[in-house]
Structures are given as structure tokens and as C-alpha cells.
PDB file of N, CA and C in Angstrom:
ATOM      1  N   MET A   1    -126.075  32.095  91.392  1.00  0.00           N
ATOM      2  CA  MET A   1    -127.489  32.409  91.391  1.00  0.00           C
ATOM      3  C   MET A   1    -128.038  32.197  92.801  1.00  0.00           C
ATOM      4  N   ARG A   2    -128.826  33.159  93.246  1.00  0.00           N
ATOM      5  CA  ARG A   2    -129.374  33.068  94.584  1.00  0.00           C
ATOM      6  C   ARG A   2    -130.563  32.117  94.629  1.00  0.00           C
ATOM      7  N   VAL A   3    -130.861  31.582  95.799  1.00  0.00           N
ATOM      8  CA  VAL A   3    -131.960  30.641  95.990  1.00  0.00           C
ATOM      9  C   VAL A   3    -133.289  31.292  95.639  1.00  0.00           C
ATOM     10  N   GLY A   4    -133.490  32.558  96.018  1.00  0.00           N
ATOM     11  CA  GLY A   4    -134.738  33.267  95.738  1.00  0.00           C
ATOM     12  C   GLY A   4    -134.995  33.398  94.242  1.00  0.00           C
ATOM     13  N   SER A   5    -133.951  33.657  93.453  1.00  0.00           N
ATOM     14  CA  SER A   5    -134.139  33.820  92.012  1.00  0.00           C
ATOM     15  C   SER A   5    -134.406  32.467  91.341  1.00  0.00           C
ATOM     16  N   LYS A   6    -133.821  31.398  91.876  1.00  0.00           N
ATOM     17  CA  LYS A   6    -134.106  30.059  91.347  1.00  0.00           C
ATOM     18  C   LYS A   6    -135.570  29.698  91.594  1.00  0.00           C
ATOM     19  N   ARG A   7    -136.040  30.000  92.772  1.00  0.00           N
ATOM     20  CA  ARG A   7    -137.421  29.707  93.138  1.00  0.00           C
ATOM     21  C   ARG A   7    -138.382  30.509  92.244  1.00  0.00           C
ATOM     22  N   GLY A   8    -138.063  31.779  92.000  1.00  0.00           N
ATOM     23  CA  GLY A   8    -138.889  32.621  91.142  1.00  0.00           C
ATOM     24  C   GLY A   8    -138.924  32.094  89.706  1.00  0.00           C
ATOM     25  N   ALA A   9    -137.773  31.656  89.213  1.00  0.00           N
ATOM     26  CA  ALA A   9    -137.705  31.103  87.860  1.00  0.00           C
ATOM     27  C   ALA A   9    -138.522  29.821  87.760  1.00  0.00           C
ATOM     28  N   LEU A  10    -138.420  28.977  88.781  1.00  0.00           N
ATOM     29  CA  LEU A  10    -139.181  27.728  88.806  1.00  0.00           C
ATOM     30  C   LEU A  10    -140.688  28.012  88.833  1.00  0.00           C
ATOM     31  N   LEU A  11    -141.098  28.966  89.661  1.00  0.00           N
ATOM     32  CA  LEU A  11    -142.520  29.326  89.714  1.00  0.00           C
ATOM     33  C   LEU A  11    -142.999  29.879  88.369  1.00  0.00           C
ATOM     34  N   GLY A  12    -142.162  30.652  87.710  1.00  0.00           N
ATOM     35  CA  GLY A  12    -142.511  31.191  86.390  1.00  0.00           C
ATOM     36  C   GLY A  12    -142.707  30.079  85.369  1.00  0.00           C
ATOM     37  N   VAL A  13    -141.821  29.112  85.370  1.00  0.00           N
ATOM     38  CA  VAL A  13    -141.926  27.978  84.445  1.00  0.00           C
ATOM     39  C   VAL A  13    -143.182  27.162  84.740  1.00  0.00           C
ATOM     40  N   LEU A  14    -143.466  26.930  86.015  1.00  0.00           N
ATOM     41  CA  LEU A  14    -144.661  26.167  86.391  1.00  0.00           C
ATOM     42  C   LEU A  14    -145.939  26.903  85.988  1.00  0.00           C
ATOM     43  N   LEU A  15    -145.966  28.210  86.150  1.00  0.00           N
ATOM     44  CA  LEU A  15    -147.125  29.001  85.748  1.00  0.00           C
ATOM     45  C   LEU A  15    -147.321  28.930  84.237  1.00  0.00           C
ATOM     46  N   LEU A  16    -146.250  29.060  83.495  1.00  0.00           N
ATOM     47  CA  LEU A  16    -146.325  28.960  82.040  1.00  0.00           C
ATOM     48  C   LEU A  16    -146.827  27.584  81.612  1.00  0.00           C
ATOM     49  N   LEU A  17    -146.358  26.539  82.258  1.00  0.00           N
ATOM     50  CA  LEU A  17    -146.792  25.182  81.961  1.00  0.00           C
ATOM     51  C   LEU A  17    -148.279  25.001  82.269  1.00  0.00           C
ATOM     52  N   ALA A  18    -148.746  25.556  83.387  1.00  0.00           N
ATOM     53  CA  ALA A  18    -150.163  25.451  83.752  1.00  0.00           C
ATOM     54  C   ALA A  18    -151.047  26.150  82.725  1.00  0.00           C
ATOM     55  N   VAL A  19    -150.627  27.317  82.250  1.00  0.00           N
ATOM     56  CA  VAL A  19    -151.398  28.043  81.230  1.00  0.00           C
ATOM     57  C   VAL A  19    -151.439  27.239  79.933  1.00  0.00           C
ATOM     58  N   ALA A  20    -150.311  26.677  79.537  1.00  0.00           N
ATOM     59  CA  ALA A  20    -150.263  25.878  78.303  1.00  0.00           C
ATOM     60  C   ALA A  20    -151.160  24.649  78.405  1.00  0.00           C
ATOM     61  N   LEU A  21    -151.152  23.973  79.532  1.00  0.00           N
ATOM     62  CA  LEU A  21    -152.002  22.798  79.710  1.00  0.00           C
ATOM     63  C   LEU A  21    -153.478  23.171  79.717  1.00  0.00           C
ATOM     64  N   ALA A  22    -153.825  24.297  80.304  1.00  0.00           N
ATOM     65  CA  ALA A  22    -155.218  24.741  80.310  1.00  0.00           C
ATOM     66  C   ALA A  22    -155.688  25.034  78.892  1.00  0.00           C
ATOM     67  N   ALA A  23    -154.824  25.618  78.076  1.00  0.00           N
ATOM     68  CA  ALA A  23    -155.182  25.906  76.681  1.00  0.00           C
ATOM     69  C   ALA A  23    -155.391  24.610  75.908  1.00  0.00           C
ATOM     70  N   CYS A  24    -154.548  23.613  76.144  1.00  0.00           N
ATOM     71  CA  CYS A  24    -154.711  22.324  75.462  1.00  0.00           C
ATOM     72  C   CYS A  24    -155.993  21.634  75.899  1.00  0.00           C
ATOM     73  N   ALA A  25    -156.330  21.723  77.155  1.00  0.00           N
ATOM     74  CA  ALA A  25    -157.527  21.064  77.676  1.00  0.00           C
ATOM     75  C   ALA A  25    -158.778  21.663  77.057  1.00  0.00           C
ATOM     76  N   SER A  26    -158.789  22.956  76.774  1.00  0.00           N
ATOM     77  CA  SER A  26    -159.985  23.577  76.207  1.00  0.00           C
ATOM     78  C   SER A  26    -160.212  23.130  74.770  1.00  0.00           C
ATOM     79  N   ASP A  27    -159.150  22.732  74.045  1.00  0.00           N
ATOM     80  CA  ASP A  27    -159.313  22.243  72.678  1.00  0.00           C
ATOM     81  C   ASP A  27    -160.048  20.920  72.636  1.00  0.00           C
ATOM     82  N   GLY A  28    -159.930  20.090  73.656  1.00  0.00           N
ATOM     83  CA  GLY A  28    -160.558  18.783  73.677  1.00  0.00           C
ATOM     84  C   GLY A  28    -161.863  18.773  74.449  1.00  0.00           C
ATOM     85  N   ALA A  29    -162.486  19.919  74.563  1.00  0.00           N
ATOM     86  CA  ALA A  29    -163.734  20.007  75.329  1.00  0.00           C
ATOM     87  C   ALA A  29    -164.808  19.121  74.712  1.00  0.00           C
ATOM     88  N   ALA A  30    -165.751  18.720  75.528  1.00  0.00           N
ATOM     89  CA  ALA A  30    -166.850  17.875  75.066  1.00  0.00           C
ATOM     90  C   ALA A  30    -167.690  18.611  74.037  1.00  0.00           C
ATOM     91  N   SER A  31    -168.404  17.872  73.231  1.00  0.00           N
ATOM     92  CA  SER A  31    -169.254  18.464  72.207  1.00  0.00           C
ATOM     93  C   SER A  31    -170.249  19.410  72.837  1.00  0.00           C
ATOM     94  N   ALA A  32    -170.461  20.509  72.179  1.00  0.00           N
ATOM     95  CA  ALA A  32    -171.421  21.498  72.648  1.00  0.00           C
ATOM     96  C   ALA A  32    -172.196  22.015  71.445  1.00  0.00           C
ATOM     97  N   GLN A  33    -173.367  22.519  71.703  1.00  0.00           N
ATOM     98  CA  GLN A  33    -174.192  23.069  70.636  1.00  0.00           C
ATOM     99  C   GLN A  33    -173.459  24.248  70.016  1.00  0.00           C
ATOM    100  N   LEU A  34    -173.295  24.237  68.703  1.00  0.00           N
ATOM    101  CA  LEU A  34    -172.539  25.276  68.027  1.00  0.00           C
ATOM    102  C   LEU A  34    -173.435  26.314  67.357  1.00  0.00           C
ATOM    103  N   GLY A  35    -174.626  25.921  66.957  1.00  0.00           N
ATOM    104  CA  GLY A  35    -175.532  26.850  66.287  1.00  0.00           C
ATOM    105  C   GLY A  35    -176.559  27.397  67.254  1.00  0.00           C
ATOM    106  N   PRO A  36    -177.278  28.453  66.839  1.00  0.00           N
ATOM    107  CA  PRO A  36    -178.293  29.042  67.721  1.00  0.00           C
ATOM    108  C   PRO A  36    -179.487  28.118  67.920  1.00  0.00           C
ATOM    109  N   ALA A  37    -180.086  28.185  69.089  1.00  0.00           N
ATOM    110  CA  ALA A  37    -181.250  27.348  69.400  1.00  0.00           C
ATOM    111  C   ALA A  37    -182.356  27.591  68.384  1.00  0.00           C
ATOM    112  N   GLY A  38    -183.017  26.533  67.972  1.00  0.00           N
ATOM    113  CA  GLY A  38    -184.104  26.631  67.011  1.00  0.00           C
ATOM    114  C   GLY A  38    -183.655  26.581  65.561  1.00  0.00           C
ATOM    115  N   SER A  39    -182.386  26.711  65.320  1.00  0.00           N
ATOM    116  CA  SER A  39    -181.843  26.662  63.960  1.00  0.00           C
ATOM    117  C   SER A  39    -181.428  25.229  63.633  1.00  0.00           C
ATOM    118  N   PRO A  40    -181.507  24.829  62.358  1.00  0.00           N
ATOM    119  CA  PRO A  40    -180.991  23.501  61.994  1.00  0.00           C
ATOM    120  C   PRO A  40    -179.502  23.362  62.337  1.00  0.00           C
ATOM    121  N   LEU A  41    -178.794  24.493  62.367  1.00  0.00           N
ATOM    122  CA  LEU A  41    -177.370  24.455  62.707  1.00  0.00           C
ATOM    123  C   LEU A  41    -177.141  24.053  64.164  1.00  0.00           C
ATOM    124  N   ALA A  42    -178.167  24.180  65.001  1.00  0.00           N
ATOM    125  CA  ALA A  42    -178.042  23.803  66.414  1.00  0.00           C
ATOM    126  C   ALA A  42    -177.851  22.297  66.576  1.00  0.00           C
ATOM    127  N   LYS A  43    -178.185  21.534  65.560  1.00  0.00           N
ATOM    128  CA  LYS A  43    -178.038  20.073  65.619  1.00  0.00           C
ATOM    129  C   LYS A  43    -176.624  19.620  65.281  1.00  0.00           C
ATOM    130  N   ILE A  44    -175.763  20.562  64.901  1.00  0.00           N
ATOM    131  CA  ILE A  44    -174.392  20.240  64.529  1.00  0.00           C
ATOM    132  C   ILE A  44    -173.501  20.368  65.757  1.00  0.00           C
ATOM    133  N   ASP A  45    -172.738  19.320  66.035  1.00  0.00           N
ATOM    134  CA  ASP A  45    -171.834  19.290  67.183  1.00  0.00           C
ATOM    135  C   ASP A  45    -170.390  19.259  66.723  1.00  0.00           C
ATOM    136  N   ARG A  46    -169.519  19.792  67.556  1.00  0.00           N
ATOM    137  CA  ARG A  46    -168.071  19.741  67.295  1.00  0.00           C
ATOM    138  C   ARG A  46    -167.653  18.277  67.168  1.00  0.00           C
ATOM    139  N   GLY A  47    -166.844  17.998  66.163  1.00  0.00           N
ATOM    140  CA  GLY A  47    -166.340  16.641  65.964  1.00  0.00           C
ATOM    141  C   GLY A  47    -167.147  15.800  64.993  1.00  0.00           C
ATOM    142  N   MET A  48    -168.342  16.275  64.586  1.00  0.00           N
ATOM    143  CA  MET A  48    -169.137  15.510  63.620  1.00  0.00           C
ATOM    144  C   MET A  48    -168.384  15.418  62.297  1.00  0.00           C
ATOM    145  N   ASN A  49    -168.559  14.323  61.571  1.00  0.00           N
ATOM    146  CA  ASN A  49    -167.918  14.198  60.264  1.00  0.00           C
ATOM    147  C   ASN A  49    -168.874  14.661  59.161  1.00  0.00           C
ATOM    148  N   GLU A  50    -168.396  14.660  57.938  1.00  0.00           N
ATOM    149  CA  GLU A  50    -169.187  15.181  56.819  1.00  0.00           C
ATOM    150  C   GLU A  50    -170.450  14.360  56.551  1.00  0.00           C
ATOM    151  N   VAL A  51    -170.410  13.066  56.798  1.00  0.00           N
ATOM    152  CA  VAL A  51    -171.587  12.221  56.586  1.00  0.00           C
ATOM    153  C   VAL A  51    -172.692  12.606  57.565  1.00  0.00           C
ATOM    154  N   ASP A  52    -172.317  12.808  58.828  1.00  0.00           N
ATOM    155  CA  ASP A  52    -173.295  13.197  59.844  1.00  0.00           C
ATOM    156  C   ASP A  52    -173.916  14.562  59.530  1.00  0.00           C
ATOM    157  N   VAL A  53    -173.103  15.497  59.071  1.00  0.00           N
ATOM    158  CA  VAL A  53    -173.613  16.833  58.747  1.00  0.00           C
ATOM    159  C   VAL A  53    -174.578  16.753  57.567  1.00  0.00           C
ATOM    160  N   ARG A  54    -174.250  15.941  56.566  1.00  0.00           N
ATOM    161  CA  ARG A  54    -175.162  15.786  55.415  1.00  0.00           C
ATOM    162  C   ARG A  54    -176.507  15.202  55.851  1.00  0.00           C
ATOM    163  N   GLU A  55    -176.483  14.274  56.793  1.00  0.00           N
ATOM    164  CA  GLU A  55    -177.730  13.683  57.280  1.00  0.00           C
ATOM    165  C   GLU A  55    -178.616  14.730  57.956  1.00  0.00           C
ATOM    166  N   VAL A  56    -178.012  15.695  58.625  1.00  0.00           N
ATOM    167  CA  VAL A  56    -178.764  16.718  59.344  1.00  0.00           C
ATOM    168  C   VAL A  56    -179.180  17.868  58.432  1.00  0.00           C
ATOM    169  N   LEU A  57    -178.235  18.391  57.639  1.00  0.00           N
ATOM    170  CA  LEU A  57    -178.488  19.606  56.858  1.00  0.00           C
ATOM    171  C   LEU A  57    -178.657  19.378  55.361  1.00  0.00           C
ATOM    172  N   GLY A  58    -178.315  18.193  54.879  1.00  0.00           N
ATOM    173  CA  GLY A  58    -178.357  17.939  53.445  1.00  0.00           C
ATOM    174  C   GLY A  58    -177.081  18.418  52.764  1.00  0.00           C
ATOM    175  N   GLU A  59    -177.111  18.432  51.452  1.00  0.00           N
ATOM    176  CA  GLU A  59    -175.947  18.870  50.675  1.00  0.00           C
ATOM    177  C   GLU A  59    -175.752  20.378  50.824  1.00  0.00           C
ATOM    178  N   PRO A  60    -174.511  20.835  50.917  1.00  0.00           N
ATOM    179  CA  PRO A  60    -174.279  22.277  51.009  1.00  0.00           C
ATOM    180  C   PRO A  60    -174.575  22.952  49.668  1.00  0.00           C
ATOM    181  N   ASP A  61    -174.908  24.238  49.712  1.00  0.00           N
ATOM    182  CA  ASP A  61    -175.145  24.993  48.482  1.00  0.00           C
ATOM    183  C   ASP A  61    -173.828  25.317  47.786  1.00  0.00           C
ATOM    184  N   SER A  62    -172.756  25.457  48.539  1.00  0.00           N
ATOM    185  CA  SER A  62    -171.420  25.654  47.975  1.00  0.00           C
ATOM    186  C   SER A  62    -170.392  25.287  49.042  1.00  0.00           C
ATOM    187  N   SER A  63    -169.151  25.178  48.630  1.00  0.00           N
ATOM    188  CA  SER A  63    -168.084  24.877  49.585  1.00  0.00           C
ATOM    189  C   SER A  63    -166.783  25.490  49.097  1.00  0.00           C
ATOM    190  N   ARG A  64    -165.851  25.649  50.012  1.00  0.00           N
ATOM    191  CA  ARG A  64    -164.509  26.099  49.651  1.00  0.00           C
ATOM    192  C   ARG A  64    -163.514  25.466  50.603  1.00  0.00           C
ATOM    193  N   SER A  65    -162.341  25.157  50.091  1.00  0.00           N
ATOM    194  CA  SER A  65    -161.276  24.572  50.901  1.00  0.00           C
ATOM    195  C   SER A  65    -160.065  25.492  50.858  1.00  0.00           C
ATOM    196  N   TYR A  66    -159.331  25.529  51.959  1.00  0.00           N
ATOM    197  CA  TYR A  66    -158.156  26.390  52.036  1.00  0.00           C
ATOM    198  C   TYR A  66    -157.187  25.828  53.062  1.00  0.00           C
ATOM    199  N   GLN A  67    -155.935  26.232  52.941  1.00  0.00           N
ATOM    200  CA  GLN A  67    -154.901  25.764  53.848  1.00  0.00           C
ATOM    201  C   GLN A  67    -154.779  26.741  55.014  1.00  0.00           C
ATOM    202  N   THR A  68    -154.538  26.224  56.211  1.00  0.00           N
ATOM    203  CA  THR A  68    -154.312  27.078  57.371  1.00  0.00           C
ATOM    204  C   THR A  68    -152.818  27.387  57.470  1.00  0.00           C
ATOM    205  N   TRP A  69    -152.472  28.327  58.323  1.00  0.00           N
ATOM    206  CA  TRP A  69    -151.069  28.667  58.523  1.00  0.00           C
ATOM    207  C   TRP A  69    -150.272  27.484  59.045  1.00  0.00           C
ATOM    208  N   LYS A  70    -150.960  26.555  59.721  1.00  0.00           N
ATOM    209  CA  LYS A  70    -150.279  25.400  60.299  1.00  0.00           C
ATOM    210  C   LYS A  70    -149.667  24.512  59.211  1.00  0.00           C
ATOM    211  N   GLY A  71    -150.246  24.551  58.020  1.00  0.00           N
ATOM    212  CA  GLY A  71    -149.725  23.756  56.920  1.00  0.00           C
ATOM    213  C   GLY A  71    -148.354  24.208  56.442  1.00  0.00           C
ATOM    214  N   TRP A  72    -148.005  25.443  56.766  1.00  0.00           N
ATOM    215  CA  TRP A  72    -146.713  25.995  56.354  1.00  0.00           C
ATOM    216  C   TRP A  72    -145.644  25.843  57.426  1.00  0.00           C
ATOM    217  N   ASN A  73    -146.028  25.380  58.595  1.00  0.00           N
ATOM    218  CA  ASN A  73    -145.086  25.222  59.693  1.00  0.00           C
ATOM    219  C   ASN A  73    -144.454  23.834  59.612  1.00  0.00           C
ATOM    220  N   PRO A  74    -143.149  23.753  59.314  1.00  0.00           N
ATOM    221  CA  PRO A  74    -142.517  22.435  59.161  1.00  0.00           C
ATOM    222  C   PRO A  74    -142.428  21.646  60.469  1.00  0.00           C
ATOM    223  N   PHE A  75    -142.667  22.304  61.608  1.00  0.00           N
ATOM    224  CA  PHE A  75    -142.570  21.626  62.895  1.00  0.00           C
ATOM    225  C   PHE A  75    -143.934  21.307  63.487  1.00  0.00           C
ATOM    226  N   TYR A  76    -145.000  21.527  62.723  1.00  0.00           N
ATOM    227  CA  TYR A  76    -146.345  21.218  63.204  1.00  0.00           C
ATOM    228  C   TYR A  76    -146.725  19.827  62.716  1.00  0.00           C
ATOM    229  N   TYR A  77    -147.027  18.938  63.653  1.00  0.00           N
ATOM    230  CA  TYR A  77    -147.364  17.567  63.296  1.00  0.00           C
ATOM    231  C   TYR A  77    -148.817  17.237  63.607  1.00  0.00           C
ATOM    232  N   GLY A  78    -149.628  18.255  63.832  1.00  0.00           N
ATOM    233  CA  GLY A  78    -151.042  18.040  64.099  1.00  0.00           C
ATOM    234  C   GLY A  78    -151.799  17.802  62.803  1.00  0.00           C
ATOM    235  N   SER A  79    -153.101  17.787  62.916  1.00  0.00           N
ATOM    236  CA  SER A  79    -153.900  17.421  61.754  1.00  0.00           C
ATOM    237  C   SER A  79    -154.670  18.585  61.141  1.00  0.00           C
ATOM    238  N   ASP A  80    -154.679  19.758  61.759  1.00  0.00           N
ATOM    239  CA  ASP A  80    -155.476  20.885  61.277  1.00  0.00           C
ATOM    240  C   ASP A  80    -154.665  21.768  60.334  1.00  0.00           C
ATOM    241  N   THR A  81    -154.293  21.219  59.186  1.00  0.00           N
ATOM    242  CA  THR A  81    -153.510  21.996  58.226  1.00  0.00           C
ATOM    243  C   THR A  81    -154.362  22.527  57.085  1.00  0.00           C
ATOM    244  N   ALA A  82    -155.590  22.063  56.966  1.00  0.00           N
ATOM    245  CA  ALA A  82    -156.500  22.543  55.916  1.00  0.00           C
ATOM    246  C   ALA A  82    -157.912  22.580  56.478  1.00  0.00           C
ATOM    247  N   ARG A  83    -158.730  23.457  55.904  1.00  0.00           N
ATOM    248  CA  ARG A  83    -160.125  23.586  56.334  1.00  0.00           C
ATOM    249  C   ARG A  83    -161.033  23.568  55.121  1.00  0.00           C
ATOM    250  N   THR A  84    -162.264  23.197  55.363  1.00  0.00           N
ATOM    251  CA  THR A  84    -163.304  23.217  54.339  1.00  0.00           C
ATOM    252  C   THR A  84    -164.545  23.858  54.945  1.00  0.00           C
ATOM    253  N   ASP A  85    -165.104  24.832  54.252  1.00  0.00           N
ATOM    254  CA  ASP A  85    -166.341  25.487  54.676  1.00  0.00           C
ATOM    255  C   ASP A  85    -167.477  25.007  53.785  1.00  0.00           C
ATOM    256  N   TRP A  86    -168.562  24.566  54.387  1.00  0.00           N
ATOM    257  CA  TRP A  86    -169.781  24.237  53.650  1.00  0.00           C
ATOM    258  C   TRP A  86    -170.773  25.362  53.892  1.00  0.00           C
ATOM    259  N   VAL A  87    -171.237  25.974  52.822  1.00  0.00           N
ATOM    260  CA  VAL A  87    -172.162  27.104  52.923  1.00  0.00           C
ATOM    261  C   VAL A  87    -173.581  26.617  52.659  1.00  0.00           C
ATOM    262  N   TYR A  88    -174.467  26.992  53.565  1.00  0.00           N
ATOM    263  CA  TYR A  88    -175.893  26.701  53.423  1.00  0.00           C
ATOM    264  C   TYR A  88    -176.608  28.042  53.310  1.00  0.00           C
ATOM    265  N   ASP A  89    -177.124  28.348  52.110  1.00  0.00           N
ATOM    266  CA  ASP A  89    -177.780  29.627  51.867  1.00  0.00           C
ATOM    267  C   ASP A  89    -178.882  29.872  52.885  1.00  0.00           C
ATOM    268  N   SER A  90    -178.980  31.089  53.336  1.00  0.00           N
ATOM    269  CA  SER A  90    -179.992  31.561  54.290  1.00  0.00           C
ATOM    270  C   SER A  90    -179.873  30.916  55.670  1.00  0.00           C
ATOM    271  N   ARG A  91    -178.801  30.179  55.924  1.00  0.00           N
ATOM    272  CA  ARG A  91    -178.597  29.576  57.239  1.00  0.00           C
ATOM    273  C   ARG A  91    -177.227  29.924  57.806  1.00  0.00           C
ATOM    274  N   GLY A  92    -176.182  29.676  57.063  1.00  0.00           N
ATOM    275  CA  GLY A  92    -174.827  29.932  57.545  1.00  0.00           C
ATOM    276  C   GLY A  92    -173.844  28.958  56.944  1.00  0.00           C
ATOM    277  N   ARG A  93    -172.793  28.662  57.706  1.00  0.00           N
ATOM    278  CA  ARG A  93    -171.783  27.727  57.194  1.00  0.00           C
ATOM    279  C   ARG A  93    -171.237  26.856  58.313  1.00  0.00           C
ATOM    280  N   VAL A  94    -170.754  25.707  57.903  1.00  0.00           N
ATOM    281  CA  VAL A  94    -170.135  24.746  58.808  1.00  0.00           C
ATOM    282  C   VAL A  94    -168.664  24.669  58.419  1.00  0.00           C
ATOM    283  N   VAL A  95    -167.781  24.844  59.398  1.00  0.00           N
ATOM    284  CA  VAL A  95    -166.341  24.836  59.143  1.00  0.00           C
ATOM    285  C   VAL A  95    -165.770  23.513  59.644  1.00  0.00           C
ATOM    286  N   PHE A  96    -165.078  22.818  58.742  1.00  0.00           N
ATOM    287  CA  PHE A  96    -164.442  21.534  59.052  1.00  0.00           C
ATOM    288  C   PHE A  96    -162.926  21.704  59.053  1.00  0.00           C
ATOM    289  N   ALA A  97    -162.242  20.962  59.907  1.00  0.00           N
ATOM    290  CA  ALA A  97    -160.795  20.793  59.820  1.00  0.00           C
ATOM    291  C   ALA A  97    -160.561  19.486  59.068  1.00  0.00           C
ATOM    292  N   ARG A  98    -159.586  19.502  58.174  1.00  0.00           N
ATOM    293  CA  ARG A  98    -159.236  18.286  57.426  1.00  0.00           C
ATOM    294  C   ARG A  98    -157.981  17.683  58.043  1.00  0.00           C
ATOM    295  N   ASN A  99    -158.079  16.418  58.441  1.00  0.00           N
ATOM    296  CA  ASN A  99    -156.940  15.698  58.993  1.00  0.00           C
ATOM    297  C   ASN A  99    -155.971  15.383  57.859  1.00  0.00           C
ATOM    298  N   ARG A 100    -154.753  15.878  57.968  1.00  0.00           N
ATOM    299  CA  ARG A 100    -153.799  15.699  56.875  1.00  0.00           C
ATOM    300  C   ARG A 100    -153.385  14.245  56.684  1.00  0.00           C
ATOM    301  N   TYR A 101    -153.570  13.427  57.694  1.00  0.00           N
ATOM    302  CA  TYR A 101    -153.152  12.030  57.597  1.00  0.00           C
ATOM    303  C   TYR A 101    -154.258  11.124  57.072  1.00  0.00           C
ATOM    304  N   SER A 102    -155.481  11.337  57.522  1.00  0.00           N
ATOM    305  CA  SER A 102    -156.579  10.467  57.103  1.00  0.00           C
ATOM    306  C   SER A 102    -157.469  11.096  56.034  1.00  0.00           C
ATOM    307  N   GLY A 103    -157.407  12.433  55.905  1.00  0.00           N
ATOM    308  CA  GLY A 103    -158.285  13.129  54.964  1.00  0.00           C
ATOM    309  C   GLY A 103    -159.677  13.368  55.531  1.00  0.00           C
ATOM    310  N   ARG A 104    -159.929  12.909  56.743  1.00  0.00           N
ATOM    311  CA  ARG A 104    -161.245  13.022  57.384  1.00  0.00           C
ATOM    312  C   ARG A 104    -161.564  14.472  57.719  1.00  0.00           C
ATOM    313  N   LEU A 105    -162.818  14.851  57.497  1.00  0.00           N
ATOM    314  CA  LEU A 105    -163.303  16.167  57.889  1.00  0.00           C
ATOM    315  C   LEU A 105    -163.969  16.064  59.257  1.00  0.00           C
ATOM    316  N   SER A 106    -163.766  17.086  60.098  1.00  0.00           N
ATOM    317  CA  SER A 106    -164.330  17.107  61.436  1.00  0.00           C
ATOM    318  C   SER A 106    -164.788  18.538  61.742  1.00  0.00           C
ATOM    319  N   VAL A 107    -166.033  18.698  62.177  1.00  0.00           N
ATOM    320  CA  VAL A 107    -166.581  20.022  62.457  1.00  0.00           C
ATOM    321  C   VAL A 107    -165.818  20.687  63.598  1.00  0.00           C
ATOM    322  N   ILE A 108    -165.409  21.946  63.373  1.00  0.00           N
ATOM    323  CA  ILE A 108    -164.763  22.705  64.437  1.00  0.00           C
ATOM    324  C   ILE A 108    -165.535  23.980  64.775  1.00  0.00           C
ATOM    325  N   HIS A 109    -166.410  24.429  63.856  1.00  0.00           N
ATOM    326  CA  HIS A 109    -167.082  25.707  64.081  1.00  0.00           C
ATOM    327  C   HIS A 109    -168.331  25.803  63.211  1.00  0.00           C
ATOM    328  N   VAL A 110    -169.332  26.517  63.700  1.00  0.00           N
ATOM    329  CA  VAL A 110    -170.548  26.798  62.920  1.00  0.00           C
ATOM    330  C   VAL A 110    -170.773  28.301  62.958  1.00  0.00           C
ATOM    331  N   VAL A 111    -171.046  28.882  61.791  1.00  0.00           N
ATOM    332  CA  VAL A 111    -171.327  30.313  61.704  1.00  0.00           C
ATOM    333  C   VAL A 111    -172.768  30.492  61.275  1.00  0.00           C
ATOM    334  N   HIS A 112    -173.603  31.031  62.173  1.00  0.00           N
ATOM    335  CA  HIS A 112    -175.002  31.293  61.839  1.00  0.00           C
ATOM    336  C   HIS A 112    -175.069  32.646  61.159  1.00  0.00           C
ATOM    337  N   ASP A 113    -175.499  32.660  59.894  1.00  0.00           N
ATOM    338  CA  ASP A 113    -175.582  33.910  59.134  1.00  0.00           C
ATOM    339  C   ASP A 113    -176.720  33.769  58.120  1.00  0.00           C
ATOM    340  N   PRO A 114    -177.905  34.256  58.455  1.00  0.00           N
ATOM    341  CA  PRO A 114    -179.047  34.139  57.545  1.00  0.00           C
ATOM    342  C   PRO A 114    -178.841  34.824  56.195  1.00  0.00           C
ATOM    343  N   SER A 115    -177.906  35.775  56.122  1.00  0.00           N
ATOM    344  CA  SER A 115    -177.638  36.448  54.842  1.00  0.00           C
ATOM    345  C   SER A 115    -176.616  35.683  53.998  1.00  0.00           C
ATOM    346  N   GLN A 116    -176.097  34.575  54.513  1.00  0.00           N
ATOM    347  CA  GLN A 116    -175.084  33.773  53.803  1.00  0.00           C
ATOM    348  C   GLN A 116    -175.610  33.335  52.456  1.00  0.00           C
ATOM    349  N   GLY A 117    -174.804  33.531  51.407  1.00  0.00           N
ATOM    350  CA  GLY A 117    -175.157  33.061  50.073  1.00  0.00           C
ATOM    351  C   GLY A 117    -175.949  34.064  49.263  1.00  0.00           C
ATOM    352  N   HIS A 118    -176.256  35.203  49.839  1.00  0.00           N
ATOM    353  CA  HIS A 118    -177.041  36.206  49.105  1.00  0.00           C
ATOM    354  C   HIS A 118    -176.146  37.309  48.601  1.00  0.00           C
TER     355      HIS A 118
END
């Protein structure tokens, strides 16, 4: 193997590693406003638990739980194997990830949809 091709392979691996690390860093970003300004959903932040969400929005009008594709991967050891959506009529929904080890719910996404529940 020539020196130039080794250097190119090394640069390729380093670039791939940098992209992977950047993707991981974006998952742990600081809490940010998830709902639109002026909406009660704007008070919901990424990482909030179900107790905090109930204090802000009250009880959901309905909910549903489902398994993510990660739950079927035998080599995935993370915690996002199931999700729970809380639906608030005329406002939208709050999406939680369920930690498979602790059972804790943690907000990952908010969907503002005034037609939700109708």
C-alpha cells in the first residue's frame, strides 16, 4: 500500500469520526423552546419529565404508547426504545421517550397542532 493511499484512508476515517461526533453532540443540546411562542406548549422544554409537563399543561386528553425501531435492535443499549404521546385537544401533543431501564418519561418533541383531537 502506498503512503498516499494510507493518508487518504486515515483522512476518510477521521472525517467520518468527526461527522459521527457532531451528530452525537446535537442530541445532547441544551433545552430549547419546543412549542410556538405564545402557546402553552412553548413552556415545555426538552428533557422535562411527565410531572413537570402535567404542572404546565394539566392532564392530557388522550395518550398512546408505542415501541420504536430501536427496541428491536439487539445491539442497541440506549434508553429510547419506547415512546409515549400525550395529546392535548386544540393544542397539539407532547412526545416522550421512555427510558427502558428506569421507566422515566422525558420530553423529546412537541407538535403544535390546533386541529389535534378533532
